[in-house]
N, C-alpha and C. Protein backbone atom coordinates (compact mmCIF):
# COMPACT_ATOMS: atom_id res chain seq x y z
N MET A 1 -7.27 16.98 25.59
CA MET A 1 -6.84 16.35 24.79
C MET A 1 -5.76 15.41 25.38
N LYS A 2 -5.68 14.40 24.31
CA LYS A 2 -4.51 12.71 24.84
C LYS A 2 -3.70 13.21 24.50
N GLU A 3 -2.12 12.83 25.11
CA GLU A 3 -0.91 13.00 24.42
C GLU A 3 -0.68 12.10 22.94
N ALA A 4 0.76 12.86 22.66
CA ALA A 4 1.07 12.07 21.48
C ALA A 4 1.23 10.96 21.41
N PRO A 5 1.19 10.25 20.61
CA PRO A 5 1.98 8.71 20.99
C PRO A 5 3.40 8.51 20.96
N SER A 6 3.48 7.69 22.06
CA SER A 6 4.87 7.41 22.53
C SER A 6 5.70 6.94 21.27
N LEU A 7 7.05 6.40 21.53
CA LEU A 7 7.88 5.48 20.85
C LEU A 7 7.64 3.95 20.50
N LEU A 8 6.80 3.70 21.10
CA LEU A 8 6.39 2.01 21.75
C LEU A 8 5.03 2.02 20.72
N GLN A 9 4.34 3.26 20.85
CA GLN A 9 2.84 3.35 20.17
C GLN A 9 2.92 3.35 18.94
N LEU A 10 4.21 3.77 18.37
CA LEU A 10 4.50 3.77 16.83
C LEU A 10 5.04 2.47 16.08
N ILE A 11 5.07 1.98 17.02
CA ILE A 11 5.08 0.58 16.68
C ILE A 11 4.77 0.00 15.09
N PRO A 12 3.74 -0.17 15.94
CA PRO A 12 2.23 -0.52 14.65
C PRO A 12 2.65 0.31 13.23
N ASP A 13 2.92 1.57 13.42
CA ASP A 13 2.70 2.64 12.17
C ASP A 13 4.25 2.16 11.49
N ILE A 14 4.98 1.71 12.28
CA ILE A 14 6.47 1.28 11.19
C ILE A 14 6.10 -0.04 10.61
N PHE A 15 5.06 -1.19 11.61
CA PHE A 15 4.52 -2.13 10.92
C PHE A 15 3.43 -2.13 9.90
N PHE A 16 2.74 -1.36 9.79
CA PHE A 16 2.07 -1.61 8.93
C PHE A 16 2.67 -0.30 7.42
N ASP A 17 3.42 0.32 7.37
CA ASP A 17 4.36 0.82 6.54
C ASP A 17 5.32 -0.06 5.55
N ALA A 18 5.58 -1.42 6.57
CA ALA A 18 6.23 -2.29 5.84
C ALA A 18 5.42 -3.10 5.43
N LEU A 19 4.41 -3.49 5.98
CA LEU A 19 2.67 -3.87 5.36
C LEU A 19 2.85 -3.47 3.68
N ALA A 20 2.65 -2.04 4.00
CA ALA A 20 2.21 -1.63 2.43
C ALA A 20 3.00 -1.33 1.27
N TYR A 21 4.33 -1.73 1.80
CA TYR A 21 5.63 -1.75 1.16
C TYR A 21 6.18 -3.06 0.51
N VAL A 22 5.93 -3.72 2.04
CA VAL A 22 7.24 -5.29 1.14
C VAL A 22 6.35 -6.41 0.63
N LEU A 23 4.92 -6.32 0.99
CA LEU A 23 3.99 -7.26 0.57
C LEU A 23 3.56 -7.23 -1.07
N PRO A 24 3.36 -6.12 -1.47
CA PRO A 24 3.50 -5.75 -2.96
C PRO A 24 4.68 -6.04 -3.44
N ALA A 25 5.88 -5.71 -3.17
CA ALA A 25 7.03 -5.68 -3.48
C ALA A 25 7.45 -7.48 -3.79
N SER A 26 7.02 -8.23 -2.64
CA SER A 26 7.51 -9.87 -2.59
C SER A 26 6.62 -10.18 -3.68
N LEU A 27 5.25 -9.49 -4.08
CA LEU A 27 4.34 -9.98 -5.16
C LEU A 27 4.74 -10.21 -6.14
N LEU A 28 5.85 -8.76 -6.63
CA LEU A 28 6.39 -8.38 -8.05
C LEU A 28 7.63 -9.45 -8.20
N PHE A 29 8.38 -9.71 -6.95
CA PHE A 29 9.60 -10.30 -6.92
C PHE A 29 9.32 -11.95 -7.41
N ILE A 30 8.23 -12.51 -6.77
CA ILE A 30 7.90 -13.72 -6.72
C ILE A 30 7.33 -14.02 -8.26
N GLY A 31 6.33 -13.02 -8.99
CA GLY A 31 5.74 -12.81 -9.81
C GLY A 31 6.76 -12.64 -11.36
N VAL A 32 7.98 -11.89 -10.76
CA VAL A 32 9.06 -12.03 -11.78
C VAL A 32 9.86 -13.49 -12.25
N MET A 33 9.96 -14.07 -11.21
CA MET A 33 10.26 -15.43 -10.54
C MET A 33 9.79 -16.14 -11.58
N ILE A 34 8.39 -16.29 -11.93
CA ILE A 34 7.91 -17.32 -11.89
C ILE A 34 7.44 -17.32 -13.76
N ILE A 35 7.36 -15.94 -14.12
CA ILE A 35 7.02 -15.92 -14.97
C ILE A 35 8.04 -16.37 -16.22
N PRO A 36 9.25 -15.39 -16.31
CA PRO A 36 10.40 -16.08 -17.11
C PRO A 36 11.25 -17.13 -15.96
N SER A 37 10.72 -18.18 -16.63
CA SER A 37 11.69 -19.16 -15.90
C SER A 37 13.21 -19.00 -15.69
N SER A 38 13.34 -18.29 -16.57
CA SER A 38 14.85 -18.18 -16.54
C SER A 38 15.58 -17.83 -15.91
N ILE A 39 14.76 -16.73 -14.76
CA ILE A 39 15.04 -15.69 -13.90
C ILE A 39 15.19 -16.78 -12.26
N GLY A 40 14.01 -17.00 -12.55
CA GLY A 40 13.51 -17.72 -11.08
C GLY A 40 14.30 -19.50 -10.94
N LEU A 41 14.94 -19.96 -11.25
CA LEU A 41 15.39 -21.30 -11.13
C LEU A 41 16.91 -20.77 -10.96
N PRO A 42 17.42 -19.86 -11.68
CA PRO A 42 18.55 -19.68 -11.26
C PRO A 42 19.21 -18.91 -9.45
N LEU A 43 17.75 -18.45 -9.50
CA LEU A 43 18.21 -17.65 -8.25
C LEU A 43 17.86 -18.41 -6.75
N VAL A 44 17.11 -19.58 -7.16
CA VAL A 44 17.01 -20.72 -6.25
C VAL A 44 17.81 -21.58 -5.81
N ASN A 45 18.43 -22.00 -7.27
CA ASN A 45 19.31 -22.50 -7.11
C ASN A 45 20.71 -22.10 -6.13
N ALA A 46 20.78 -20.58 -6.12
CA ALA A 46 21.98 -20.15 -5.78
C ALA A 46 21.61 -20.19 -4.19
N TYR A 47 20.43 -20.05 -3.65
CA TYR A 47 19.95 -19.51 -2.56
C TYR A 47 20.03 -20.77 -2.03
N LEU A 48 19.73 -22.11 -2.73
CA LEU A 48 19.93 -22.98 -1.93
C LEU A 48 21.47 -23.67 -1.78
N SER A 49 22.24 -23.61 -2.43
CA SER A 49 23.70 -23.60 -2.72
C SER A 49 24.29 -23.58 -1.63
N LEU A 50 23.87 -21.93 -0.77
CA LEU A 50 24.34 -21.81 0.30
C LEU A 50 24.56 -22.69 1.00
N GLY A 51 25.71 -22.79 2.36
CA GLY A 51 25.57 -24.08 3.09
C GLY A 51 25.20 -23.62 4.62
N ALA A 52 25.63 -22.54 5.18
CA ALA A 52 25.64 -22.02 6.60
C ALA A 52 24.07 -21.16 6.40
N SER A 53 23.19 -21.87 7.61
CA SER A 53 22.01 -21.35 7.88
C SER A 53 22.09 -19.79 8.20
N PHE A 54 23.26 -19.22 8.77
CA PHE A 54 23.33 -17.59 9.08
C PHE A 54 23.61 -17.00 7.67
N ASP A 55 23.92 -17.55 6.77
CA ASP A 55 24.32 -17.16 5.31
C ASP A 55 23.19 -16.73 4.79
N ARG A 56 21.96 -17.74 5.19
CA ARG A 56 20.67 -17.71 4.17
C ARG A 56 19.96 -17.06 5.37
N PHE A 57 20.19 -16.46 6.47
CA PHE A 57 19.59 -15.46 7.12
C PHE A 57 19.92 -14.20 6.40
N ILE A 58 21.17 -14.09 6.21
CA ILE A 58 21.69 -12.44 5.96
C ILE A 58 21.09 -12.31 5.05
N VAL A 59 20.58 -12.87 3.84
CA VAL A 59 20.58 -12.99 2.10
C VAL A 59 18.65 -12.82 2.59
N ILE A 60 18.14 -13.36 3.53
CA ILE A 60 16.73 -13.02 3.39
C ILE A 60 16.82 -11.37 4.58
N LEU A 61 17.51 -11.20 5.24
CA LEU A 61 17.19 -10.00 5.50
C LEU A 61 17.84 -9.09 4.81
N PHE A 62 18.60 -9.06 4.37
CA PHE A 62 19.37 -8.49 2.85
C PHE A 62 18.31 -7.90 2.24
N GLY A 63 17.27 -9.35 1.76
CA GLY A 63 16.56 -9.16 0.68
C GLY A 63 14.69 -8.04 1.20
N VAL A 64 14.80 -8.38 2.57
CA VAL A 64 13.56 -7.91 3.15
C VAL A 64 13.65 -5.90 2.61
N GLY A 65 15.28 -6.01 3.17
CA GLY A 65 15.48 -4.33 3.03
C GLY A 65 15.42 -3.47 1.74
N ILE A 66 15.60 -4.79 0.50
CA ILE A 66 15.76 -3.90 -1.16
C ILE A 66 14.25 -4.30 -1.48
N LEU A 67 13.02 -5.24 -0.69
CA LEU A 67 12.16 -5.12 -1.01
C LEU A 67 11.54 -4.01 -0.29
N TYR A 68 11.56 -3.49 0.64
CA TYR A 68 11.13 -2.43 1.22
C TYR A 68 11.93 -1.22 0.48
N ILE A 69 13.00 -1.05 -0.13
CA ILE A 69 13.16 -0.15 -0.57
C ILE A 69 12.25 -0.29 -2.34
N PHE A 70 11.97 -1.07 -2.97
CA PHE A 70 11.41 -1.74 -4.22
C PHE A 70 9.50 -0.86 -3.83
N GLY A 71 9.38 -1.41 -2.90
CA GLY A 71 8.26 -0.88 -1.99
C GLY A 71 7.73 0.52 -2.15
N GLN A 72 8.77 1.56 -1.50
CA GLN A 72 8.96 2.52 -1.98
C GLN A 72 8.56 3.13 -3.25
N MET A 73 9.48 2.70 -4.09
CA MET A 73 9.91 3.38 -5.18
C MET A 73 8.14 2.96 -5.89
N LEU A 74 7.61 1.50 -5.51
CA LEU A 74 6.00 1.15 -6.29
C LEU A 74 4.87 2.63 -5.68
N THR A 75 5.39 3.14 -4.54
CA THR A 75 4.24 3.86 -3.67
C THR A 75 4.56 4.97 -4.94
N HIS A 76 5.70 5.34 -4.91
CA HIS A 76 5.54 6.26 -5.35
C HIS A 76 5.26 6.55 -7.11
N PHE A 77 5.48 5.40 -8.01
CA PHE A 77 4.62 5.28 -9.27
C PHE A 77 3.43 5.38 -9.35
N SER A 78 2.99 4.39 -8.10
CA SER A 78 1.66 4.19 -8.13
C SER A 78 0.78 5.28 -8.01
N TYR A 79 1.19 6.46 -7.74
CA TYR A 79 0.39 7.24 -7.30
C TYR A 79 0.27 7.88 -8.43
N ASP A 80 0.80 8.05 -9.87
CA ASP A 80 0.88 8.65 -10.52
C ASP A 80 -0.04 7.55 -11.98
N LEU A 81 0.40 6.58 -11.33
CA LEU A 81 0.15 5.54 -12.56
C LEU A 81 -1.42 4.92 -12.31
N ILE A 82 -1.84 5.18 -11.28
CA ILE A 82 -2.77 4.13 -10.51
C ILE A 82 -3.98 5.39 -9.58
N LEU A 83 -2.94 6.39 -9.15
CA LEU A 83 -4.13 6.79 -8.52
C LEU A 83 -4.85 8.22 -9.02
N LEU A 84 -3.97 9.07 -9.37
CA LEU A 84 -4.75 10.06 -10.47
C LEU A 84 -5.44 9.33 -11.20
N PRO A 85 -5.52 8.32 -12.19
CA PRO A 85 -6.58 8.20 -12.76
C PRO A 85 -8.11 7.46 -12.17
N LEU A 86 -7.47 6.49 -10.95
CA LEU A 86 -8.65 6.64 -9.86
C LEU A 86 -9.67 8.15 -9.96
N ARG A 87 -8.54 9.06 -9.52
CA ARG A 87 -9.12 10.15 -8.92
C ARG A 87 -10.02 10.57 -10.25
N LYS A 88 -9.36 10.93 -11.99
CA LYS A 88 -10.38 10.72 -12.82
C LYS A 88 -11.60 10.54 -13.02
N LEU A 89 -11.53 9.48 -12.83
CA LEU A 89 -12.52 7.93 -13.22
C LEU A 89 -13.70 8.45 -11.88
N ALA A 90 -13.12 8.97 -10.93
CA ALA A 90 -13.74 9.52 -9.59
C ALA A 90 -14.69 10.98 -10.17
N ASP A 91 -13.90 11.91 -10.44
CA ASP A 91 -14.43 13.16 -11.20
C ASP A 91 -15.18 12.67 -12.29
N TRP A 92 -15.29 11.68 -13.01
CA TRP A 92 -16.30 11.43 -14.34
C TRP A 92 -17.33 11.17 -13.64
N ARG A 93 -17.31 10.21 -12.25
CA ARG A 93 -18.48 9.91 -11.99
C ARG A 93 -19.30 10.19 -11.06
N GLN A 94 -18.49 11.97 -10.73
CA GLN A 94 -18.56 12.55 -9.94
C GLN A 94 -19.09 12.04 -8.39
N ASP A 95 -18.05 11.42 -8.19
CA ASP A 95 -18.11 10.61 -6.96
C ASP A 95 -17.42 11.86 -5.82
N GLN A 96 -18.03 12.17 -4.83
CA GLN A 96 -17.46 13.55 -3.76
C GLN A 96 -17.37 12.41 -2.41
N ASP A 97 -17.36 10.92 -2.49
CA ASP A 97 -16.77 10.22 -1.41
C ASP A 97 -14.92 10.48 -1.63
N PHE A 98 -14.44 10.50 -2.61
CA PHE A 98 -13.23 10.17 -2.67
C PHE A 98 -12.30 11.59 -2.77
N THR A 99 -11.58 10.92 -1.98
CA THR A 99 -10.26 12.76 -1.52
C THR A 99 -9.91 12.67 -2.47
N HIS A 100 -9.77 14.28 -3.09
CA HIS A 100 -9.17 14.93 -4.54
C HIS A 100 -8.23 15.68 -3.77
N SER A 101 -7.74 15.61 -2.58
CA SER A 101 -6.27 16.61 -2.32
C SER A 101 -5.65 15.84 -1.25
N ASP A 102 -4.51 15.68 -0.71
CA ASP A 102 -3.76 14.69 0.15
C ASP A 102 -3.44 15.73 0.91
N ILE A 103 -3.77 17.21 0.93
CA ILE A 103 -3.43 18.31 1.61
C ILE A 103 -4.45 17.92 3.09
N ASP A 104 -5.66 18.06 2.06
CA ASP A 104 -7.25 17.60 3.37
C ASP A 104 -7.00 16.82 4.03
N TRP A 105 -6.79 15.54 3.29
CA TRP A 105 -6.36 14.30 4.42
C TRP A 105 -5.91 14.40 5.41
N MET A 106 -4.80 14.78 5.10
CA MET A 106 -3.47 14.79 6.17
C MET A 106 -4.10 15.33 7.11
N ALA A 107 -4.22 16.91 7.04
CA ALA A 107 -4.38 17.88 7.93
C ALA A 107 -5.74 17.08 8.57
N ASP A 108 -6.60 16.36 8.13
CA ASP A 108 -7.76 15.94 9.11
C ASP A 108 -6.69 14.62 9.84
N TYR A 109 -5.93 13.57 9.48
CA TYR A 109 -5.37 12.89 10.06
C TYR A 109 -4.51 13.27 11.11
N THR A 110 -3.96 14.50 11.04
CA THR A 110 -2.78 15.18 12.28
C THR A 110 -3.58 15.47 12.79
N PHE A 111 -4.85 16.18 12.90
CA PHE A 111 -5.97 16.30 13.91
C PHE A 111 -6.35 14.96 14.65
N ILE A 112 -6.76 14.11 14.11
CA ILE A 112 -6.73 13.10 14.66
C ILE A 112 -5.87 12.41 15.43
N ARG A 113 -4.61 12.11 15.11
CA ARG A 113 -3.72 11.72 16.41
C ARG A 113 -3.59 12.34 16.80
N HIS A 114 -3.40 13.99 17.06
CA HIS A 114 -3.66 14.39 18.46
C HIS A 114 -4.93 14.87 19.02
N LYS A 115 -5.73 14.32 18.80
CA LYS A 115 -6.98 14.04 19.53
C LYS A 115 -6.94 12.83 20.51
N ASP A 116 -6.78 11.39 19.28
CA ASP A 116 -7.12 10.18 19.69
C ASP A 116 -6.04 9.22 19.00
N ALA A 117 -4.37 9.03 19.68
CA ALA A 117 -3.76 7.85 19.35
C ALA A 117 -4.19 6.62 18.80
N ALA A 118 -5.36 6.00 19.88
CA ALA A 118 -5.58 4.53 19.55
C ALA A 118 -6.68 4.98 17.82
N LEU A 119 -7.28 6.10 17.59
CA LEU A 119 -7.95 5.71 16.71
C LEU A 119 -6.90 6.39 15.53
N GLY A 120 -6.29 6.79 15.82
CA GLY A 120 -4.97 7.32 14.84
C GLY A 120 -3.87 6.18 14.05
N LEU A 121 -3.86 5.24 14.85
CA LEU A 121 -3.30 3.98 14.52
C LEU A 121 -4.39 3.21 14.01
N GLU A 122 -5.82 3.31 13.87
CA GLU A 122 -6.98 2.04 12.83
C GLU A 122 -6.76 3.11 11.78
N ILE A 123 -6.58 4.23 11.47
CA ILE A 123 -6.18 5.07 10.08
C ILE A 123 -5.21 4.59 9.58
N SER A 124 -4.34 4.92 10.32
CA SER A 124 -2.81 3.95 10.01
C SER A 124 -2.94 2.96 9.37
N LYS A 125 -3.71 2.35 9.55
CA LYS A 125 -3.68 0.81 9.15
C LYS A 125 -4.51 1.09 8.27
N ARG A 126 -5.83 1.46 7.77
CA ARG A 126 -6.49 1.89 6.70
C ARG A 126 -5.71 2.12 5.56
N TYR A 127 -4.65 3.49 5.70
CA TYR A 127 -4.19 3.57 4.38
C TYR A 127 -3.45 2.70 4.07
N ALA A 128 -3.02 2.33 4.87
CA ALA A 128 -1.81 0.96 4.63
C ALA A 128 -2.32 0.28 3.71
N ARG A 129 -3.61 -0.23 4.25
CA ARG A 129 -4.50 -0.94 3.07
C ARG A 129 -4.25 -0.13 1.66
N ALA A 130 -4.81 0.97 1.86
CA ALA A 130 -5.24 1.74 0.54
C ALA A 130 -4.24 2.17 -0.27
N ILE A 131 -2.65 2.17 0.49
CA ILE A 131 -1.59 2.02 -0.78
C ILE A 131 -1.10 0.28 -1.04
N MET A 132 -0.94 -0.29 -0.27
CA MET A 132 -1.27 -1.60 -0.32
C MET A 132 -1.72 -2.02 -1.74
N SER A 133 -3.38 -1.73 -1.65
CA SER A 133 -3.84 -1.65 -3.04
C SER A 133 -3.51 -1.35 -4.02
N ARG A 134 -2.94 -0.37 -4.23
CA ARG A 134 -2.87 0.75 -5.32
C ARG A 134 -1.08 -0.08 -5.68
N ASN A 135 -0.62 0.26 -4.61
CA ASN A 135 0.67 -0.97 -5.62
C ASN A 135 0.62 -2.18 -6.01
N ASN A 136 -0.29 -2.94 -5.24
CA ASN A 136 -0.72 -4.15 -5.94
C ASN A 136 -1.51 -4.13 -7.15
N ALA A 137 -1.92 -3.17 -7.49
CA ALA A 137 -2.68 -2.79 -8.97
C ALA A 137 -1.05 -2.27 -9.82
N LEU A 138 -0.39 -1.92 -8.86
CA LEU A 138 0.91 -1.28 -10.21
C LEU A 138 1.90 -2.19 -10.43
N VAL A 139 2.12 -3.60 -9.46
CA VAL A 139 2.51 -4.78 -9.60
C VAL A 139 1.53 -5.32 -10.78
N GLY A 140 0.50 -5.59 -10.63
CA GLY A 140 -0.22 -6.19 -12.03
C GLY A 140 0.05 -6.13 -13.19
N LEU A 141 0.12 -4.63 -13.24
CA LEU A 141 0.37 -3.99 -15.09
C LEU A 141 1.65 -4.34 -15.03
N LEU A 142 2.85 -4.08 -14.20
CA LEU A 142 4.02 -5.06 -14.41
C LEU A 142 4.22 -6.12 -15.13
N LEU A 143 3.53 -7.41 -14.18
CA LEU A 143 3.30 -8.34 -14.64
C LEU A 143 3.08 -8.31 -15.73
N MET A 144 1.90 -7.59 -16.56
CA MET A 144 1.29 -8.01 -17.36
C MET A 144 2.39 -7.54 -18.53
N VAL A 145 3.37 -6.63 -18.13
CA VAL A 145 4.16 -6.02 -19.12
C VAL A 145 5.44 -7.42 -19.87
N THR A 146 5.68 -7.69 -18.19
CA THR A 146 6.64 -8.60 -18.44
C THR A 146 6.12 -10.05 -18.65
N SER A 147 5.17 -10.61 -18.58
CA SER A 147 4.42 -11.63 -19.69
C SER A 147 4.34 -11.61 -20.85
N LEU A 148 4.31 -10.15 -21.22
CA LEU A 148 3.91 -9.68 -22.51
C LEU A 148 5.53 -9.63 -23.27
N ILE A 149 6.30 -9.40 -22.49
CA ILE A 149 7.65 -9.66 -23.16
C ILE A 149 8.55 -10.85 -23.26
N SER A 150 7.94 -11.59 -22.16
CA SER A 150 7.74 -12.88 -21.83
C SER A 150 7.64 -13.99 -22.88
N ARG A 151 6.14 -13.43 -23.88
CA ARG A 151 5.48 -14.20 -24.32
C ARG A 151 4.45 -15.31 -23.51
N GLN A 152 4.09 -14.87 -22.65
CA GLN A 152 3.92 -15.90 -21.57
C GLN A 152 2.16 -15.59 -21.47
N TRP A 153 1.51 -16.21 -22.71
CA TRP A 153 0.00 -15.35 -22.61
C TRP A 153 -1.22 -15.78 -21.38
N VAL A 154 -0.91 -17.03 -20.99
CA VAL A 154 -1.45 -17.31 -19.54
C VAL A 154 -1.56 -16.25 -18.79
N GLY A 155 0.15 -16.20 -18.73
CA GLY A 155 0.60 -15.52 -17.27
C GLY A 155 -0.07 -13.81 -17.57
N LEU A 156 -0.05 -13.22 -19.08
CA LEU A 156 -0.67 -12.03 -19.93
C LEU A 156 -1.80 -11.92 -19.42
N SER A 157 -3.06 -13.03 -19.25
CA SER A 157 -4.29 -13.60 -18.67
C SER A 157 -4.55 -13.19 -17.49
N VAL A 158 -3.66 -13.41 -16.66
CA VAL A 158 -3.83 -14.00 -14.88
C VAL A 158 -3.57 -12.37 -14.70
N CYS A 159 -2.67 -11.99 -15.17
CA CYS A 159 -2.28 -10.96 -14.68
C CYS A 159 -3.21 -9.77 -15.01
N GLY A 160 -3.72 -9.56 -16.06
CA GLY A 160 -4.69 -8.82 -16.54
C GLY A 160 -6.09 -8.73 -15.51
N ILE A 161 -6.05 -10.25 -14.87
CA ILE A 161 -7.30 -10.26 -14.44
C ILE A 161 -6.88 -9.80 -12.81
N LEU A 162 -5.77 -10.19 -12.44
CA LEU A 162 -5.72 -9.22 -11.24
C LEU A 162 -5.15 -8.10 -11.11
N PHE A 163 -4.79 -7.22 -12.21
CA PHE A 163 -4.41 -5.51 -12.31
C PHE A 163 -6.18 -5.34 -12.07
N LEU A 164 -7.32 -5.97 -12.71
CA LEU A 164 -8.61 -5.38 -12.87
C LEU A 164 -9.02 -5.80 -11.18
N LEU A 165 -9.06 -6.35 -10.85
CA LEU A 165 -9.21 -6.84 -9.55
C LEU A 165 -8.66 -5.37 -8.26
N PHE A 166 -6.69 -5.36 -8.46
CA PHE A 166 -6.21 -4.89 -8.10
C PHE A 166 -7.26 -3.22 -7.22
N ALA A 167 -7.50 -2.79 -9.15
CA ALA A 167 -7.42 -1.78 -9.22
C ALA A 167 -8.79 -1.14 -8.82
N HIS A 168 -9.72 -2.41 -9.27
CA HIS A 168 -11.16 -2.22 -8.49
C HIS A 168 -10.76 -2.09 -6.55
N GLN A 169 -10.38 -3.38 -6.27
CA GLN A 169 -9.56 -2.95 -4.65
C GLN A 169 -9.54 -1.68 -4.55
N ALA A 170 -8.52 -1.12 -5.51
CA ALA A 170 -7.77 0.16 -5.11
C ALA A 170 -8.87 1.61 -4.46
N TYR A 171 -9.84 1.53 -5.69
CA TYR A 171 -10.62 2.29 -5.66
C TYR A 171 -11.80 2.13 -4.43
N GLY A 172 -12.09 0.91 -4.20
CA GLY A 172 -13.03 0.53 -3.15
C GLY A 172 -11.65 1.00 -1.83
N GLU A 173 -10.84 1.08 -1.46
CA GLU A 173 -10.16 1.33 -0.54
C GLU A 173 -9.97 2.85 -0.50
N GLN A 174 -9.47 2.97 -1.36
CA GLN A 174 -9.29 4.56 -1.17
C GLN A 174 -10.60 5.73 -0.54
N ARG A 175 -11.90 5.41 -1.26
CA ARG A 175 -13.18 5.22 -1.26
C ARG A 175 -13.51 5.71 -0.36
N PHE A 176 -13.33 4.19 0.65
CA PHE A 176 -13.52 4.37 1.96
C PHE A 176 -12.88 4.95 3.06
N PHE A 177 -11.68 5.11 2.47
CA PHE A 177 -10.57 5.36 3.48
C PHE A 177 -11.24 6.92 3.84
N SER A 178 -10.94 7.81 1.99
CA SER A 178 -11.91 9.02 2.56
C SER A 178 -13.09 9.37 3.03
N ARG A 179 -13.86 8.22 2.98
CA ARG A 179 -15.40 8.62 3.55
C ARG A 179 -14.97 8.28 5.42
N TYR A 180 -14.45 7.19 5.61
CA TYR A 180 -14.23 7.23 7.67
C TYR A 180 -13.32 7.82 7.48
N LEU A 181 -12.58 8.62 6.96
CA LEU A 181 -11.69 9.87 7.81
C LEU A 181 -12.24 10.65 7.62
N GLN A 182 -13.34 11.13 6.78
CA GLN A 182 -14.31 12.46 7.11
C GLN A 182 -15.15 12.51 8.15
N GLU A 183 -15.71 11.37 7.72
CA GLU A 183 -16.63 10.93 9.19
C GLU A 183 -16.29 11.31 10.55
N ILE A 184 -15.24 10.97 10.47
CA ILE A 184 -14.83 10.59 12.13
C ILE A 184 -14.06 12.07 12.47
N THR A 185 -13.23 12.53 11.60
CA THR A 185 -13.10 14.11 11.48
C THR A 185 -14.13 14.82 12.39
N LYS A 186 -15.13 14.51 11.45
CA LYS A 186 -16.63 15.78 11.97
C LYS A 186 -17.09 15.37 12.75
N GLU A 187 -17.13 14.11 13.51
CA GLU A 187 -17.42 13.91 14.89
C GLU A 187 -16.43 13.88 15.67
N LEU A 188 -15.44 14.18 15.91
CA LEU A 188 -14.42 14.73 16.56
C LEU A 188 -14.53 16.28 16.64
N ARG A 189 -14.70 16.79 15.71
CA ARG A 189 -14.51 17.95 15.77
C ARG A 189 -15.71 19.19 16.14
N SER A 190 -16.61 18.08 16.22
CA SER A 190 -18.46 18.21 16.88
C SER A 190 -18.30 17.97 18.52
N LEU A 191 -17.48 17.03 18.83
CA LEU A 191 -17.18 16.80 20.10
C LEU A 191 -16.28 18.49 20.88
N ASP A 192 -15.50 18.41 20.19
CA ASP A 192 -14.72 19.67 20.35
C ASP A 192 -14.91 20.67 20.27
N ALA A 193 -15.91 21.21 19.60
CA ALA A 193 -16.70 22.37 19.92
C ALA A 193 -17.65 22.12 21.09
N ALA A 194 -18.26 20.85 21.06
CA ALA A 194 -19.15 20.82 22.54
C ALA A 194 -18.39 20.98 23.37
N GLU A 195 -17.13 20.68 23.92
CA GLU A 195 -16.26 20.52 24.56
C GLU A 195 -15.66 22.19 25.03
N LYS A 196 -15.49 22.85 24.06
CA LYS A 196 -15.53 24.41 24.27
C LYS A 196 -16.59 24.89 24.76
N LYS A 197 -17.79 24.94 24.43
CA LYS A 197 -18.97 25.53 24.31
C LYS A 197 -18.86 25.49 25.99
N LYS A 198 -18.85 23.95 26.27
CA LYS A 198 -18.78 24.02 27.87
C LYS A 198 -17.87 25.04 28.90
């Protein structure tokens, strides 16, 4: 059995977390700035009016922190608004490759991390992509509401298409992640059983 990952090995995990949270939140922020132009222009002007480069750097750093928090909130709500409906769809389609229990895959993930840290990082990347795709789907839905409130019909159409694309991607990513995790766990458990027999 390989040793548990060190702090240095956990750095990619932190990067994957930031990727899953910050990118969808950035997409939401940019969309909200663009669709209702009354919001985006004053913010851009206020940022450009900052004189010192250090002030602009602090604003960007502070903004990344806020985006990370918003990304966590998106992840929380995307579970109920995106993932659960996708699971209902998987049940209706009788898709056995779609994970129906977070506890099941977390147990498999913990087992894999203890057996192979590098493989665990690969699964972390796959899971980060799954979270990001479902968060993007929620962002598309929120931007549809923003476009509707702002009466931006072109924006509503574009965001509607983005929502459908992201929702389709979220279903595919979650299905691939579930199947990938099941196959890797099955392979490692069979190797573990063979080693014990020896």
